[in-house]
Amino acid sequence: MNVKQVKAFLAVAQSMSFANAANQLHLSQPALSLSIKSLEENLGGKLLTRTTRSIALTPEGEALVSIARRLLAQWENAEDEMKQRFALQLGKITIASMPSFAASLLPKAIRNYHASYPHIQVAIDDVLSDVVVEMVRNNQVELGISFEPVGLLELAFYPLYDDRFIAILPKGHPLEIHENITWEALLEYNFITLQRPSSVRTMIEKTLNDANIELNVAFDAHQLATVGRMVSEGMGVAVVPALCRQQTTEQGAICRPVVEPEIHRRVGVICQPRSNLSIAAAAMLDVLIETYA
């Protein structure tokens, strides 16, 4: 049983006339009769009884009328929904983002997206960078925003910008007078950073190890927001991605470039190959790239 056969049957059942039904469906009467016959053969029995003067529904035909109406309504609803999705008039996407980006920069892109596609719902999961990659890889979300990971395998990475790490200090700290702060000077004070296996912690440790600089950690925390708060309370100093600048400044910390060595890392969108994205997710990818270009 297919949609064309159901439509043909319902047209005949409602008009009780093959001629009228054929005109309504823009079919010839022989084609309409063949469609009804095929439907009856597929279902295994007669749906209509015909004489030279009249048409009547069999009990089975009567039962099929209500079923056919429900099927066609569901089909039309499904067709309408898919058209709306392809026209970006309906849908939902979820973005996994590292918390520092989600709290500072992502709202601007979502605002731009909503201005163009107001009917698409957008949800945000703020998770650690490593979790972002796994959520995309496991198809839990279509788009993820993170530092560029090592070993993308089948995933794609679209760079948004290059992030340079900065030092953050409590107000009134002796190093506040310097325009740039070296790691050697910074590590004279209690150092606060993220807990392992954070990608930020990994980048800091690798950079310092390559520069033969010993890192002694006084305190560590699970979120960058907590690290910023600990610094602003005078517990020590820290190095964080520059995208945390606004958040840490609002918490009362002082930001300065950290040098000798510097740490740079690209921030971008991680996703499946573009051809595998939904229309809504592909549009969001374009908006993200345009917003931070």
C-alpha atoms as a PDB file:
ATOM      1  CA  MET A   1       0.000   0.000   0.000  1.00  0.00           C
ATOM      2  CA  ASN A   2       1.454   3.351  -1.035  1.00  0.00           C
ATOM      3  CA  VAL A   3       0.361   6.969  -0.776  1.00  0.00           C
ATOM      4  CA  LYS A   4      -0.888   7.184  -4.372  1.00  0.00           C
ATOM      5  CA  GLN A   5      -3.125   4.146  -3.876  1.00  0.00           C
ATOM      6  CA  VAL A   6      -4.477   5.519  -0.571  1.00  0.00           C
ATOM      7  CA  LYS A   7      -5.241   8.890  -2.192  1.00  0.00           C
ATOM      8  CA  ALA A   8      -6.975   7.153  -5.107  1.00  0.00           C
ATOM      9  CA  PHE A   9      -9.116   5.011  -2.826  1.00  0.00           C
ATOM     10  CA  LEU A  10     -10.080   7.926  -0.582  1.00  0.00           C
ATOM     11  CA  ALA A  11     -11.044  10.099  -3.578  1.00  0.00           C
ATOM     12  CA  VAL A  12     -13.375   7.385  -4.865  1.00  0.00           C
ATOM     13  CA  ALA A  13     -14.785   6.655  -1.399  1.00  0.00           C
ATOM     14  CA  GLN A  14     -15.579  10.338  -0.803  1.00  0.00           C
ATOM     15  CA  SER A  15     -17.092  11.087  -4.223  1.00  0.00           C
ATOM     16  CA  MET A  16     -18.547   7.634  -4.955  1.00  0.00           C
ATOM     17  CA  SER A  17     -17.667   8.310  -8.578  1.00  0.00           C
ATOM     18  CA  PHE A  18     -14.677   7.088 -10.565  1.00  0.00           C
ATOM     19  CA  ALA A  19     -15.136   9.941 -13.043  1.00  0.00           C
ATOM     20  CA  ASN A  20     -15.133  12.650 -10.370  1.00  0.00           C
ATOM     21  CA  ALA A  21     -12.240  11.044  -8.508  1.00  0.00           C
ATOM     22  CA  ALA A  22     -10.205  10.762 -11.713  1.00  0.00           C
ATOM     23  CA  ASN A  23     -10.759  14.459 -12.462  1.00  0.00           C
ATOM     24  CA  GLN A  24      -9.796  15.403  -8.904  1.00  0.00           C
ATOM     25  CA  LEU A  25      -6.557  13.418  -9.101  1.00  0.00           C
ATOM     26  CA  HIS A  26      -5.819  14.368 -12.733  1.00  0.00           C
ATOM     27  CA  LEU A  27      -5.788  10.714 -13.742  1.00  0.00           C
ATOM     28  CA  SER A  28      -7.493   8.770 -16.465  1.00  0.00           C
ATOM     29  CA  GLN A  29     -10.260   6.447 -15.302  1.00  0.00           C
ATOM     30  CA  PRO A  30      -8.345   3.323 -16.424  1.00  0.00           C
ATOM     31  CA  ALA A  31      -5.301   4.472 -14.396  1.00  0.00           C
ATOM     32  CA  LEU A  32      -7.502   5.116 -11.356  1.00  0.00           C
ATOM     33  CA  SER A  33      -9.183   1.734 -11.682  1.00  0.00           C
ATOM     34  CA  LEU A  34      -5.778   0.041 -11.943  1.00  0.00           C
ATOM     35  CA  SER A  35      -4.590   1.804  -8.768  1.00  0.00           C
ATOM     36  CA  ILE A  36      -7.669   0.638  -6.813  1.00  0.00           C
ATOM     37  CA  LYS A  37      -7.269  -2.890  -8.149  1.00  0.00           C
ATOM     38  CA  SER A  38      -3.592  -2.985  -7.109  1.00  0.00           C
ATOM     39  CA  LEU A  39      -4.524  -1.756  -3.621  1.00  0.00           C
ATOM     40  CA  GLU A  40      -7.163  -4.464  -3.256  1.00  0.00           C
ATOM     41  CA  GLU A  41      -4.703  -7.122  -4.415  1.00  0.00           C
ATOM     42  CA  ASN A  42      -2.072  -5.906  -1.963  1.00  0.00           C
ATOM     43  CA  LEU A  43      -4.532  -5.930   0.947  1.00  0.00           C
ATOM     44  CA  GLY A  44      -6.114  -9.228  -0.041  1.00  0.00           C
ATOM     45  CA  GLY A  45      -9.776  -8.372  -0.685  1.00  0.00           C
ATOM     46  CA  LYS A  46     -12.435  -6.074  -2.167  1.00  0.00           C
ATOM     47  CA  LEU A  47     -12.805  -2.534  -0.917  1.00  0.00           C
ATOM     48  CA  LEU A  48     -15.489  -1.434  -3.410  1.00  0.00           C
ATOM     49  CA  THR A  49     -18.418  -3.104  -5.118  1.00  0.00           C
ATOM     50  CA  ARG A  50     -19.375  -1.674  -8.498  1.00  0.00           C
ATOM     51  CA  THR A  51     -22.338  -2.023 -10.783  1.00  0.00           C
ATOM     52  CA  THR A  52     -23.023  -0.139 -14.010  1.00  0.00           C
ATOM     53  CA  ARG A  53     -24.986   2.439 -11.999  1.00  0.00           C
ATOM     54  CA  SER A  54     -23.457   2.640  -8.508  1.00  0.00           C
ATOM     55  CA  ILE A  55     -20.420   2.187  -6.257  1.00  0.00           C
ATOM     56  CA  ALA A  56     -20.506   1.005  -2.660  1.00  0.00           C
ATOM     57  CA  LEU A  57     -17.927   0.409   0.013  1.00  0.00           C
ATOM     58  CA  THR A  58     -17.471  -3.067   1.444  1.00  0.00           C
ATOM     59  CA  PRO A  59     -17.224  -3.304   5.271  1.00  0.00           C
ATOM     60  CA  GLU A  60     -13.454  -3.508   4.830  1.00  0.00           C
ATOM     61  CA  GLY A  61     -13.569  -0.434   2.596  1.00  0.00           C
ATOM     62  CA  GLU A  62     -15.566   1.421   5.270  1.00  0.00           C
ATOM     63  CA  ALA A  63     -12.874   0.529   7.827  1.00  0.00           C
ATOM     64  CA  LEU A  64     -10.106   1.720   5.521  1.00  0.00           C
ATOM     65  CA  VAL A  65     -11.635   5.196   5.037  1.00  0.00           C
ATOM     66  CA  SER A  66     -10.806   6.408   8.564  1.00  0.00           C
ATOM     67  CA  ILE A  67      -7.403   4.716   8.446  1.00  0.00           C
ATOM     68  CA  ALA A  68      -6.646   6.341   5.076  1.00  0.00           C
ATOM     69  CA  ARG A  69      -7.559   9.785   6.378  1.00  0.00           C
ATOM     70  CA  ARG A  70      -5.197   9.406   9.343  1.00  0.00           C
ATOM     71  CA  LEU A  71      -2.393   8.134   7.099  1.00  0.00           C
ATOM     72  CA  LEU A  72      -2.727  11.033   4.670  1.00  0.00           C
ATOM     73  CA  ALA A  73      -2.854  13.577   7.493  1.00  0.00           C
ATOM     74  CA  GLN A  74       0.329  12.101   8.998  1.00  0.00           C
ATOM     75  CA  TRP A  75       1.991  12.055   5.573  1.00  0.00           C
ATOM     76  CA  GLU A  76       1.086  15.691   4.914  1.00  0.00           C
ATOM     77  CA  ASN A  77       2.329  16.710   8.376  1.00  0.00           C
ATOM     78  CA  ALA A  78       5.617  14.878   7.799  1.00  0.00           C
ATOM     79  CA  GLU A  79       6.027  16.447   4.369  1.00  0.00           C
ATOM     80  CA  ASP A  80       5.296  19.914   5.770  1.00  0.00           C
ATOM     81  CA  GLU A  81       7.742  19.432   8.653  1.00  0.00           C
ATOM     82  CA  MET A  82      10.552  18.343   6.336  1.00  0.00           C
ATOM     83  CA  LYS A  83       9.949  21.295   4.030  1.00  0.00           C
ATOM     84  CA  GLN A  84      10.139  23.618   7.048  1.00  0.00           C
ATOM     85  CA  ARG A  85      13.378  21.991   8.173  1.00  0.00           C
ATOM     86  CA  PHE A  86      14.986  22.391   4.759  1.00  0.00           C
ATOM     87  CA  ALA A  87      13.776  26.013   4.664  1.00  0.00           C
ATOM     88  CA  LEU A  88      15.241  26.606   8.177  1.00  0.00           C
ATOM     89  CA  GLN A  89      11.766  27.335   9.526  1.00  0.00           C
ATOM     90  CA  LEU A  90      11.904  24.477  12.050  1.00  0.00           C
ATOM     91  CA  GLY A  91      14.557  22.519  13.900  1.00  0.00           C
ATOM     92  CA  LYS A  92      16.944  22.346  16.828  1.00  0.00           C
ATOM     93  CA  ILE A  93      20.724  22.155  17.135  1.00  0.00           C
ATOM     94  CA  THR A  94      22.964  21.598  20.142  1.00  0.00           C
ATOM     95  CA  ILE A  95      26.461  23.041  20.417  1.00  0.00           C
ATOM     96  CA  ALA A  96      29.066  21.636  22.788  1.00  0.00           C
ATOM     97  CA  SER A  97      31.492  24.365  23.833  1.00  0.00           C
ATOM     98  CA  MET A  98      34.292  24.765  26.335  1.00  0.00           C
ATOM     99  CA  PRO A  99      32.887  26.910  29.167  1.00  0.00           C
ATOM    100  CA  SER A 100      35.232  29.874  28.654  1.00  0.00           C
ATOM    101  CA  PHE A 101      34.038  30.304  25.061  1.00  0.00           C
ATOM    102  CA  ALA A 102      30.407  29.618  25.906  1.00  0.00           C
ATOM    103  CA  ALA A 103      30.409  32.280  28.614  1.00  0.00           C
ATOM    104  CA  SER A 104      32.230  35.009  26.690  1.00  0.00           C
ATOM    105  CA  LEU A 105      32.038  34.768  22.900  1.00  0.00           C
ATOM    106  CA  LEU A 106      29.383  32.244  21.885  1.00  0.00           C
ATOM    107  CA  PRO A 107      26.342  34.413  22.754  1.00  0.00           C
ATOM    108  CA  LYS A 108      27.271  36.859  19.979  1.00  0.00           C
ATOM    109  CA  ALA A 109      27.163  34.120  17.324  1.00  0.00           C
ATOM    110  CA  ILE A 110      23.886  32.744  18.675  1.00  0.00           C
ATOM    111  CA  ARG A 111      22.380  36.225  18.551  1.00  0.00           C
ATOM    112  CA  ASN A 112      23.461  36.556  14.892  1.00  0.00           C
ATOM    113  CA  TYR A 113      22.073  33.105  14.099  1.00  0.00           C
ATOM    114  CA  HIS A 114      18.755  33.829  15.782  1.00  0.00           C
ATOM    115  CA  ALA A 115      18.421  37.064  13.814  1.00  0.00           C
ATOM    116  CA  SER A 116      18.572  35.078  10.551  1.00  0.00           C
ATOM    117  CA  TYR A 117      16.841  31.870  11.664  1.00  0.00           C
ATOM    118  CA  PRO A 118      14.485  32.730  14.531  1.00  0.00           C
ATOM    119  CA  HIS A 119      12.575  29.429  14.347  1.00  0.00           C
ATOM    120  CA  ILE A 120      15.601  27.196  15.013  1.00  0.00           C
ATOM    121  CA  GLN A 121      16.128  26.282  18.671  1.00  0.00           C
ATOM    122  CA  VAL A 122      19.726  26.392  19.909  1.00  0.00           C
ATOM    123  CA  ALA A 123      20.963  24.545  23.002  1.00  0.00           C
ATOM    124  CA  ILE A 124      24.455  24.815  24.533  1.00  0.00           C
ATOM    125  CA  ASP A 125      26.357  22.171  26.482  1.00  0.00           C
ATOM    126  CA  ASP A 126      29.345  23.801  28.210  1.00  0.00           C
ATOM    127  CA  VAL A 127      31.859  21.026  28.834  1.00  0.00           C
ATOM    128  CA  LEU A 128      35.629  20.576  28.966  1.00  0.00           C
ATOM    129  CA  SER A 129      37.524  20.698  25.665  1.00  0.00           C
ATOM    130  CA  ASP A 130      38.249  16.972  25.614  1.00  0.00           C
ATOM    131  CA  VAL A 131      34.589  16.195  26.214  1.00  0.00           C
ATOM    132  CA  VAL A 132      33.612  18.482  23.293  1.00  0.00           C
ATOM    133  CA  VAL A 133      35.574  16.287  20.873  1.00  0.00           C
ATOM    134  CA  GLU A 134      34.065  13.078  22.222  1.00  0.00           C
ATOM    135  CA  MET A 135      30.514  14.438  22.039  1.00  0.00           C
ATOM    136  CA  VAL A 136      31.013  15.299  18.356  1.00  0.00           C
ATOM    137  CA  ARG A 137      32.729  11.997  17.623  1.00  0.00           C
ATOM    138  CA  ASN A 138      29.887  10.056  19.283  1.00  0.00           C
ATOM    139  CA  ASN A 139      27.206  12.089  17.418  1.00  0.00           C
ATOM    140  CA  GLN A 140      25.800  13.502  20.659  1.00  0.00           C
ATOM    141  CA  VAL A 141      26.065  16.983  19.108  1.00  0.00           C
ATOM    142  CA  GLU A 142      26.682  18.182  15.556  1.00  0.00           C
ATOM    143  CA  LEU A 143      28.970  21.108  16.414  1.00  0.00           C
ATOM    144  CA  GLY A 144      31.646  21.540  19.054  1.00  0.00           C
ATOM    145  CA  ILE A 145      33.840  24.549  19.873  1.00  0.00           C
ATOM    146  CA  SER A 146      37.231  23.906  21.372  1.00  0.00           C
ATOM    147  CA  PHE A 147      40.952  24.310  20.993  1.00  0.00           C
ATOM    148  CA  GLU A 148      42.266  22.452  17.962  1.00  0.00           C
ATOM    149  CA  PRO A 149      42.726  18.855  19.124  1.00  0.00           C
ATOM    150  CA  VAL A 150      45.488  16.490  18.142  1.00  0.00           C
ATOM    151  CA  GLY A 151      44.352  13.569  15.992  1.00  0.00           C
ATOM    152  CA  LEU A 152      40.971  14.529  14.563  1.00  0.00           C
ATOM    153  CA  LEU A 153      40.752  11.352  12.470  1.00  0.00           C
ATOM    154  CA  GLU A 154      37.447  11.526  10.574  1.00  0.00           C
ATOM    155  CA  LEU A 155      36.341  14.854  12.074  1.00  0.00           C
ATOM    156  CA  ALA A 156      36.713  18.300  10.490  1.00  0.00           C
ATOM    157  CA  PHE A 157      38.134  21.438  12.157  1.00  0.00           C
ATOM    158  CA  TYR A 158      37.181  24.971  11.072  1.00  0.00           C
ATOM    159  CA  PRO A 159      39.470  27.563  12.750  1.00  0.00           C
ATOM    160  CA  LEU A 160      37.834  30.696  14.146  1.00  0.00           C
ATOM    161  CA  TYR A 161      40.833  32.572  15.576  1.00  0.00           C
ATOM    162  CA  ASP A 162      44.177  32.152  17.330  1.00  0.00           C
ATOM    163  CA  ASP A 163      44.045  32.418  21.131  1.00  0.00           C
ATOM    164  CA  ARG A 164      47.098  33.599  23.088  1.00  0.00           C
ATOM    165  CA  PHE A 165      47.293  32.648  26.752  1.00  0.00           C
ATOM    166  CA  ILE A 166      47.519  35.425  29.336  1.00  0.00           C
ATOM    167  CA  ALA A 167      48.622  35.753  32.961  1.00  0.00           C
ATOM    168  CA  ILE A 168      46.035  36.794  35.540  1.00  0.00           C
ATOM    169  CA  LEU A 169      46.961  38.431  38.835  1.00  0.00           C
ATOM    170  CA  PRO A 170      45.076  39.726  41.870  1.00  0.00           C
ATOM    171  CA  LYS A 171      44.773  43.510  42.092  1.00  0.00           C
ATOM    172  CA  GLY A 172      47.783  45.156  43.687  1.00  0.00           C
ATOM    173  CA  HIS A 173      50.115  42.261  42.815  1.00  0.00           C
ATOM    174  CA  PRO A 174      53.828  43.221  42.480  1.00  0.00           C
ATOM    175  CA  LEU A 175      53.880  42.016  38.828  1.00  0.00           C
ATOM    176  CA  GLU A 176      51.007  44.309  37.889  1.00  0.00           C
ATOM    177  CA  ILE A 177      53.460  47.075  36.922  1.00  0.00           C
ATOM    178  CA  HIS A 178      54.931  44.986  34.083  1.00  0.00           C
ATOM    179  CA  GLU A 179      53.576  45.240  30.540  1.00  0.00           C
ATOM    180  CA  ASN A 180      54.574  41.612  29.848  1.00  0.00           C
ATOM    181  CA  ILE A 181      55.232  38.929  32.442  1.00  0.00           C
ATOM    182  CA  THR A 182      57.737  36.120  32.018  1.00  0.00           C
ATOM    183  CA  TRP A 183      57.057  32.612  33.224  1.00  0.00           C
ATOM    184  CA  GLU A 184      60.147  32.795  35.408  1.00  0.00           C
ATOM    185  CA  ALA A 185      58.757  35.817  37.259  1.00  0.00           C
ATOM    186  CA  LEU A 186      55.232  34.396  37.420  1.00  0.00           C
ATOM    187  CA  LEU A 187      56.260  31.075  38.925  1.00  0.00           C
ATOM    188  CA  GLU A 188      57.813  32.841  41.917  1.00  0.00           C
ATOM    189  CA  TYR A 189      54.252  32.966  43.251  1.00  0.00           C
ATOM    190  CA  ASN A 190      51.621  30.325  44.063  1.00  0.00           C
ATOM    191  CA  PHE A 191      50.403  28.984  40.726  1.00  0.00           C
ATOM    192  CA  ILE A 192      46.771  28.020  40.160  1.00  0.00           C
ATOM    193  CA  THR A 193      45.619  25.984  37.179  1.00  0.00           C
ATOM    194  CA  LEU A 194      43.050  23.459  35.973  1.00  0.00           C
ATOM    195  CA  GLN A 195      42.987  19.852  37.082  1.00  0.00           C
ATOM    196  CA  ARG A 196      44.143  17.099  34.760  1.00  0.00           C
ATOM    197  CA  PRO A 197      43.124  15.990  32.126  1.00  0.00           C
ATOM    198  CA  SER A 198      42.273  19.558  31.061  1.00  0.00           C
ATOM    199  CA  SER A 199      43.660  20.544  27.652  1.00  0.00           C
ATOM    200  CA  VAL A 200      44.692  23.931  29.122  1.00  0.00           C
ATOM    201  CA  ARG A 201      46.725  22.167  31.823  1.00  0.00           C
ATOM    202  CA  THR A 202      48.249  19.889  29.190  1.00  0.00           C
ATOM    203  CA  MET A 203      49.274  22.832  26.980  1.00  0.00           C
ATOM    204  CA  ILE A 204      50.875  24.673  29.895  1.00  0.00           C
ATOM    205  CA  GLU A 205      52.804  21.605  31.061  1.00  0.00           C
ATOM    206  CA  LYS A 206      54.031  20.737  27.569  1.00  0.00           C
ATOM    207  CA  THR A 207      55.118  24.312  26.782  1.00  0.00           C
ATOM    208  CA  LEU A 208      57.047  24.650  30.029  1.00  0.00           C
ATOM    209  CA  ASN A 209      58.572  21.198  29.716  1.00  0.00           C
ATOM    210  CA  ASP A 210      59.828  22.043  26.204  1.00  0.00           C
ATOM    211  CA  ALA A 211      61.348  25.235  27.650  1.00  0.00           C
ATOM    212  CA  ASN A 212      62.940  23.328  30.549  1.00  0.00           C
ATOM    213  CA  ILE A 213      60.884  25.281  33.087  1.00  0.00           C
ATOM    214  CA  GLU A 214      59.666  23.454  36.190  1.00  0.00           C
ATOM    215  CA  LEU A 215      56.005  23.908  37.049  1.00  0.00           C
ATOM    216  CA  ASN A 216      54.944  23.707  40.674  1.00  0.00           C
ATOM    217  CA  VAL A 217      51.179  23.863  41.177  1.00  0.00           C
ATOM    218  CA  ALA A 218      49.871  25.226  44.462  1.00  0.00           C
ATOM    219  CA  PHE A 219      46.131  24.858  43.727  1.00  0.00           C
ATOM    220  CA  ASP A 220      44.052  23.369  40.936  1.00  0.00           C
ATOM    221  CA  ALA A 221      40.353  23.506  40.085  1.00  0.00           C
ATOM    222  CA  HIS A 222      37.864  21.959  37.679  1.00  0.00           C
ATOM    223  CA  GLN A 223      36.663  25.166  35.960  1.00  0.00           C
ATOM    224  CA  LEU A 224      38.460  28.265  34.677  1.00  0.00           C
ATOM    225  CA  ALA A 225      35.847  30.418  36.416  1.00  0.00           C
ATOM    226  CA  THR A 226      36.979  28.933  39.728  1.00  0.00           C
ATOM    227  CA  VAL A 227      40.626  29.544  38.867  1.00  0.00           C
ATOM    228  CA  GLY A 228      39.794  33.197  38.120  1.00  0.00           C
ATOM    229  CA  ARG A 229      37.929  33.595  41.392  1.00  0.00           C
ATOM    230  CA  MET A 230      40.820  32.077  43.367  1.00  0.00           C
ATOM    231  CA  VAL A 231      43.226  34.542  41.739  1.00  0.00           C
ATOM    232  CA  SER A 232      40.961  37.536  42.409  1.00  0.00           C
ATOM    233  CA  GLU A 233      40.812  36.461  46.082  1.00  0.00           C
ATOM    234  CA  GLY A 234      44.612  36.711  46.264  1.00  0.00           C
ATOM    235  CA  MET A 235      45.396  32.993  46.483  1.00  0.00           C
ATOM    236  CA  GLY A 236      47.929  33.082  43.667  1.00  0.00           C
ATOM    237  CA  VAL A 237      48.469  33.677  39.942  1.00  0.00           C
ATOM    238  CA  ALA A 238      47.383  31.754  36.861  1.00  0.00           C
ATOM    239  CA  VAL A 239      47.670  31.491  33.091  1.00  0.00           C
ATOM    240  CA  VAL A 240      44.460  31.097  31.086  1.00  0.00           C
ATOM    241  CA  PRO A 241      43.288  31.446  27.480  1.00  0.00           C
ATOM    242  CA  ALA A 242      42.749  35.071  26.418  1.00  0.00           C
ATOM    243  CA  LEU A 243      39.076  34.317  25.775  1.00  0.00           C
ATOM    244  CA  CYS A 244      38.727  34.332  29.589  1.00  0.00           C
ATOM    245  CA  ARG A 245      39.873  37.983  29.763  1.00  0.00           C
ATOM    246  CA  GLN A 246      36.397  39.504  30.168  1.00  0.00           C
ATOM    247  CA  GLN A 247      35.287  36.971  32.741  1.00  0.00           C
ATOM    248  CA  THR A 248      38.428  37.249  34.888  1.00  0.00           C
ATOM    249  CA  THR A 249      38.412  41.059  34.677  1.00  0.00           C
ATOM    250  CA  GLU A 250      34.815  41.088  35.894  1.00  0.00           C
ATOM    251  CA  GLN A 251      35.937  38.912  38.806  1.00  0.00           C
ATOM    252  CA  GLY A 252      38.516  41.567  39.749  1.00  0.00           C
ATOM    253  CA  ALA A 253      41.715  40.040  38.334  1.00  0.00           C
ATOM    254  CA  ILE A 254      44.418  41.838  36.306  1.00  0.00           C
ATOM    255  CA  CYS A 255      45.391  40.460  32.874  1.00  0.00           C
ATOM    256  CA  ARG A 256      48.838  40.673  31.244  1.00  0.00           C
ATOM    257  CA  PRO A 257      50.514  38.905  28.295  1.00  0.00           C
ATOM    258  CA  VAL A 258      52.732  36.026  29.400  1.00  0.00           C
ATOM    259  CA  VAL A 259      56.034  35.569  27.544  1.00  0.00           C
ATOM    260  CA  GLU A 260      59.178  33.475  27.424  1.00  0.00           C
ATOM    261  CA  PRO A 261      57.575  31.284  26.251  1.00  0.00           C
ATOM    262  CA  GLU A 262      54.209  32.323  24.754  1.00  0.00           C
ATOM    263  CA  ILE A 263      51.368  29.856  24.311  1.00  0.00           C
ATOM    264  CA  HIS A 264      49.149  30.031  21.235  1.00  0.00           C
ATOM    265  CA  ARG A 265      46.356  27.662  20.284  1.00  0.00           C
ATOM    266  CA  ARG A 266      43.713  27.833  17.568  1.00  0.00           C
ATOM    267  CA  VAL A 267      40.067  27.865  18.613  1.00  0.00           C
ATOM    268  CA  GLY A 268      37.579  26.488  16.129  1.00  0.00           C
ATOM    269  CA  VAL A 269      34.548  24.373  15.302  1.00  0.00           C
ATOM    270  CA  ILE A 270      34.815  20.589  15.386  1.00  0.00           C
ATOM    271  CA  CYS A 271      32.215  18.622  13.454  1.00  0.00           C
ATOM    272  CA  GLN A 272      31.589  15.732  11.135  1.00  0.00           C
ATOM    273  CA  PRO A 273      32.317  16.405   7.420  1.00  0.00           C
ATOM    274  CA  ARG A 274      30.085  19.251   6.250  1.00  0.00           C
ATOM    275  CA  SER A 275      28.093  16.946   3.941  1.00  0.00           C
ATOM    276  CA  ASN A 276      26.905  15.032   7.035  1.00  0.00           C
ATOM    277  CA  LEU A 277      25.548  18.105   8.849  1.00  0.00           C
ATOM    278  CA  SER A 278      21.896  19.043   9.040  1.00  0.00           C
ATOM    279  CA  ILE A 279      20.839  22.190   7.191  1.00  0.00           C
ATOM    280  CA  ALA A 280      20.468  24.010  10.529  1.00  0.00           C
ATOM    281  CA  ALA A 281      23.928  22.961  11.764  1.00  0.00           C
ATOM    282  CA  ALA A 282      25.579  23.893   8.459  1.00  0.00           C
ATOM    283  CA  ALA A 283      23.998  27.344   8.700  1.00  0.00           C
ATOM    284  CA  MET A 284      25.299  27.716  12.277  1.00  0.00           C
ATOM    285  CA  LEU A 285      28.780  26.727  11.113  1.00  0.00           C
ATOM    286  CA  ASP A 286      28.679  29.535   8.539  1.00  0.00           C
ATOM    287  CA  VAL A 287      27.488  32.022  11.166  1.00  0.00           C
ATOM    288  CA  LEU A 288      30.271  31.021  13.586  1.00  0.00           C
ATOM    289  CA  ILE A 289      32.923  31.481  10.910  1.00  0.00           C
ATOM    290  CA  GLU A 290      31.505  34.852   9.810  1.00  0.00           C
ATOM    291  CA  THR A 291      31.073  36.114  13.385  1.00  0.00           C
ATOM    292  CA  TYR A 292      34.672  35.538  14.451  1.00  0.00           C
ATOM    293  CA  ALA A 293      36.408  36.144  11.112  1.00  0.00           C
END
